[in-house]
Amino acid sequence: MHGWILLVWFVGLVGLAQSTDVVQRTYRCAGGIEVRAVYQNSFDRVGVVFNNQTYGPLFQVEAASGVKYSDGRASWWVRGSGAAEEALLMSERSGKVLARACKPIR
């Protein structure tokens, strides 16, 4: 819960600085894990909450496929669209995948 509060605070703070387009999505990942993502400014950055920890802001970076967001410590990678959309959250420091096979809850 604490991470979600930080993310909401972050979104509010950015909103004060500039007008933003905000899209919030909840994903269900392998093992029943939930991840919340808040995309801003036409999807050029995202804040992600996983396991009560907030990651971000993560900024859009070059990817071989899909859309990847990173801050050098963590990355959120989204591929596909609609029913085929799938994402993963990874620690770039350890190389460990934190959440995989994340599908948006519609």
Protein backbone atom coordinates (compact mmCIF):
# COMPACT_ATOMS: atom_id res chain seq x y z
CA MET A 1 0.00 0.00 0.00
CA HIS A 2 2.83 2.36 0.84
CA GLY A 3 4.29 2.10 -2.68
CA TRP A 4 0.92 2.91 -4.25
CA ILE A 5 0.64 6.04 -2.07
CA LEU A 6 4.10 7.14 -3.24
CA LEU A 7 3.11 6.60 -6.86
CA VAL A 8 -0.10 8.61 -6.44
CA TRP A 9 1.94 11.37 -4.79
CA PHE A 10 4.43 11.27 -7.70
CA VAL A 11 1.62 11.53 -10.28
CA GLY A 12 0.12 14.47 -8.38
CA LEU A 13 3.45 16.25 -8.15
CA VAL A 14 4.12 15.86 -11.87
CA GLY A 15 0.58 17.06 -12.56
CA LEU A 16 1.31 20.29 -10.71
CA ALA A 17 4.40 20.92 -12.81
CA GLN A 18 2.75 20.37 -16.18
CA SER A 19 -0.41 19.14 -17.81
CA THR A 20 -0.19 15.36 -18.21
CA ASP A 21 -2.18 12.63 -19.83
CA VAL A 22 -2.40 9.84 -17.26
CA VAL A 23 -3.49 6.26 -17.91
CA GLN A 24 -3.58 3.78 -15.02
CA ARG A 25 -3.56 0.02 -15.59
CA THR A 26 -3.52 -2.98 -13.31
CA TYR A 27 -1.81 -6.15 -14.54
CA ARG A 28 -2.12 -9.72 -13.26
CA CYS A 29 1.17 -11.58 -13.60
CA ALA A 30 2.37 -15.17 -13.29
CA GLY A 31 1.65 -16.52 -9.82
CA GLY A 32 -1.32 -14.16 -9.36
CA ILE A 33 0.91 -11.17 -8.59
CA GLU A 34 -0.62 -7.74 -9.32
CA VAL A 35 1.34 -4.82 -10.73
CA ARG A 36 -0.02 -1.31 -11.15
CA ALA A 37 1.33 1.00 -13.83
CA VAL A 38 0.66 4.71 -14.29
CA TYR A 39 1.59 5.91 -17.77
CA GLN A 40 2.11 9.63 -18.32
CA ASN A 41 2.50 12.09 -21.16
CA SER A 42 1.21 9.91 -23.97
CA PHE A 43 3.11 6.86 -22.66
CA ASP A 44 6.63 8.38 -22.66
CA ARG A 45 7.13 7.46 -18.98
CA VAL A 46 5.64 5.15 -16.37
CA GLY A 47 5.59 4.57 -12.62
CA VAL A 48 5.17 0.94 -11.54
CA VAL A 49 4.10 -0.46 -8.15
CA PHE A 50 5.06 -4.05 -7.38
CA ASN A 51 5.19 -5.74 -3.97
CA ASN A 52 4.58 -2.41 -2.18
CA GLN A 53 7.57 -0.82 -3.90
CA THR A 54 7.42 2.00 -6.44
CA TYR A 55 9.70 1.95 -9.49
CA GLY A 56 10.06 5.11 -11.50
CA PRO A 57 9.70 7.31 -13.12
CA LEU A 58 10.86 4.95 -15.85
CA PHE A 59 11.43 6.65 -19.20
CA GLN A 60 10.86 5.16 -22.63
CA VAL A 61 14.09 3.75 -24.11
CA GLU A 62 14.98 1.94 -27.32
CA ALA A 63 13.78 -1.67 -27.51
CA ALA A 64 14.16 -4.43 -30.08
CA SER A 65 10.41 -5.03 -29.83
CA GLY A 66 7.55 -3.55 -27.87
CA VAL A 67 7.98 -0.55 -25.58
CA LYS A 68 10.58 -0.53 -22.84
CA TYR A 69 10.86 1.91 -19.94
CA SER A 70 13.95 2.19 -17.73
CA ASP A 71 15.76 4.28 -15.16
CA GLY A 72 18.93 2.15 -15.20
CA ARG A 73 17.86 0.26 -12.06
CA ALA A 74 14.58 -1.30 -13.20
CA SER A 75 12.79 -1.82 -16.48
CA TRP A 76 9.14 -2.33 -17.48
CA TRP A 77 8.77 -3.92 -20.91
CA VAL A 78 5.41 -4.10 -22.69
CA ARG A 79 4.85 -6.10 -25.90
CA GLY A 80 1.74 -6.62 -28.01
CA SER A 81 -1.59 -4.88 -27.74
CA GLY A 82 -5.17 -5.71 -26.88
CA ALA A 83 -5.62 -9.34 -25.80
CA ALA A 84 -1.98 -10.08 -26.76
CA GLU A 85 -0.50 -7.37 -24.50
CA GLU A 86 2.06 -8.71 -22.01
CA ALA A 87 4.60 -7.02 -19.75
CA LEU A 88 7.45 -7.83 -17.41
CA LEU A 89 9.26 -5.99 -14.62
CA MET A 90 12.99 -6.60 -14.21
CA SER A 91 15.72 -5.44 -11.84
CA GLU A 92 18.52 -4.22 -14.10
CA ARG A 93 21.01 -4.36 -11.23
CA SER A 94 20.55 -8.06 -10.51
CA GLY A 95 19.10 -9.15 -13.86
CA LYS A 96 16.25 -10.80 -11.94
CA VAL A 97 12.75 -10.79 -13.42
CA LEU A 98 10.45 -9.53 -10.66
CA ALA A 99 7.12 -10.05 -12.44
CA ARG A 100 6.54 -11.91 -15.71
CA ALA A 101 3.64 -12.70 -18.03
CA CYS A 102 1.74 -9.62 -16.82
CA LYS A 103 -1.61 -9.21 -18.60
CA PRO A 104 -3.75 -6.09 -18.18
CA ILE A 105 -6.94 -6.62 -16.20
CA ARG A 106 -9.71 -5.28 -18.40
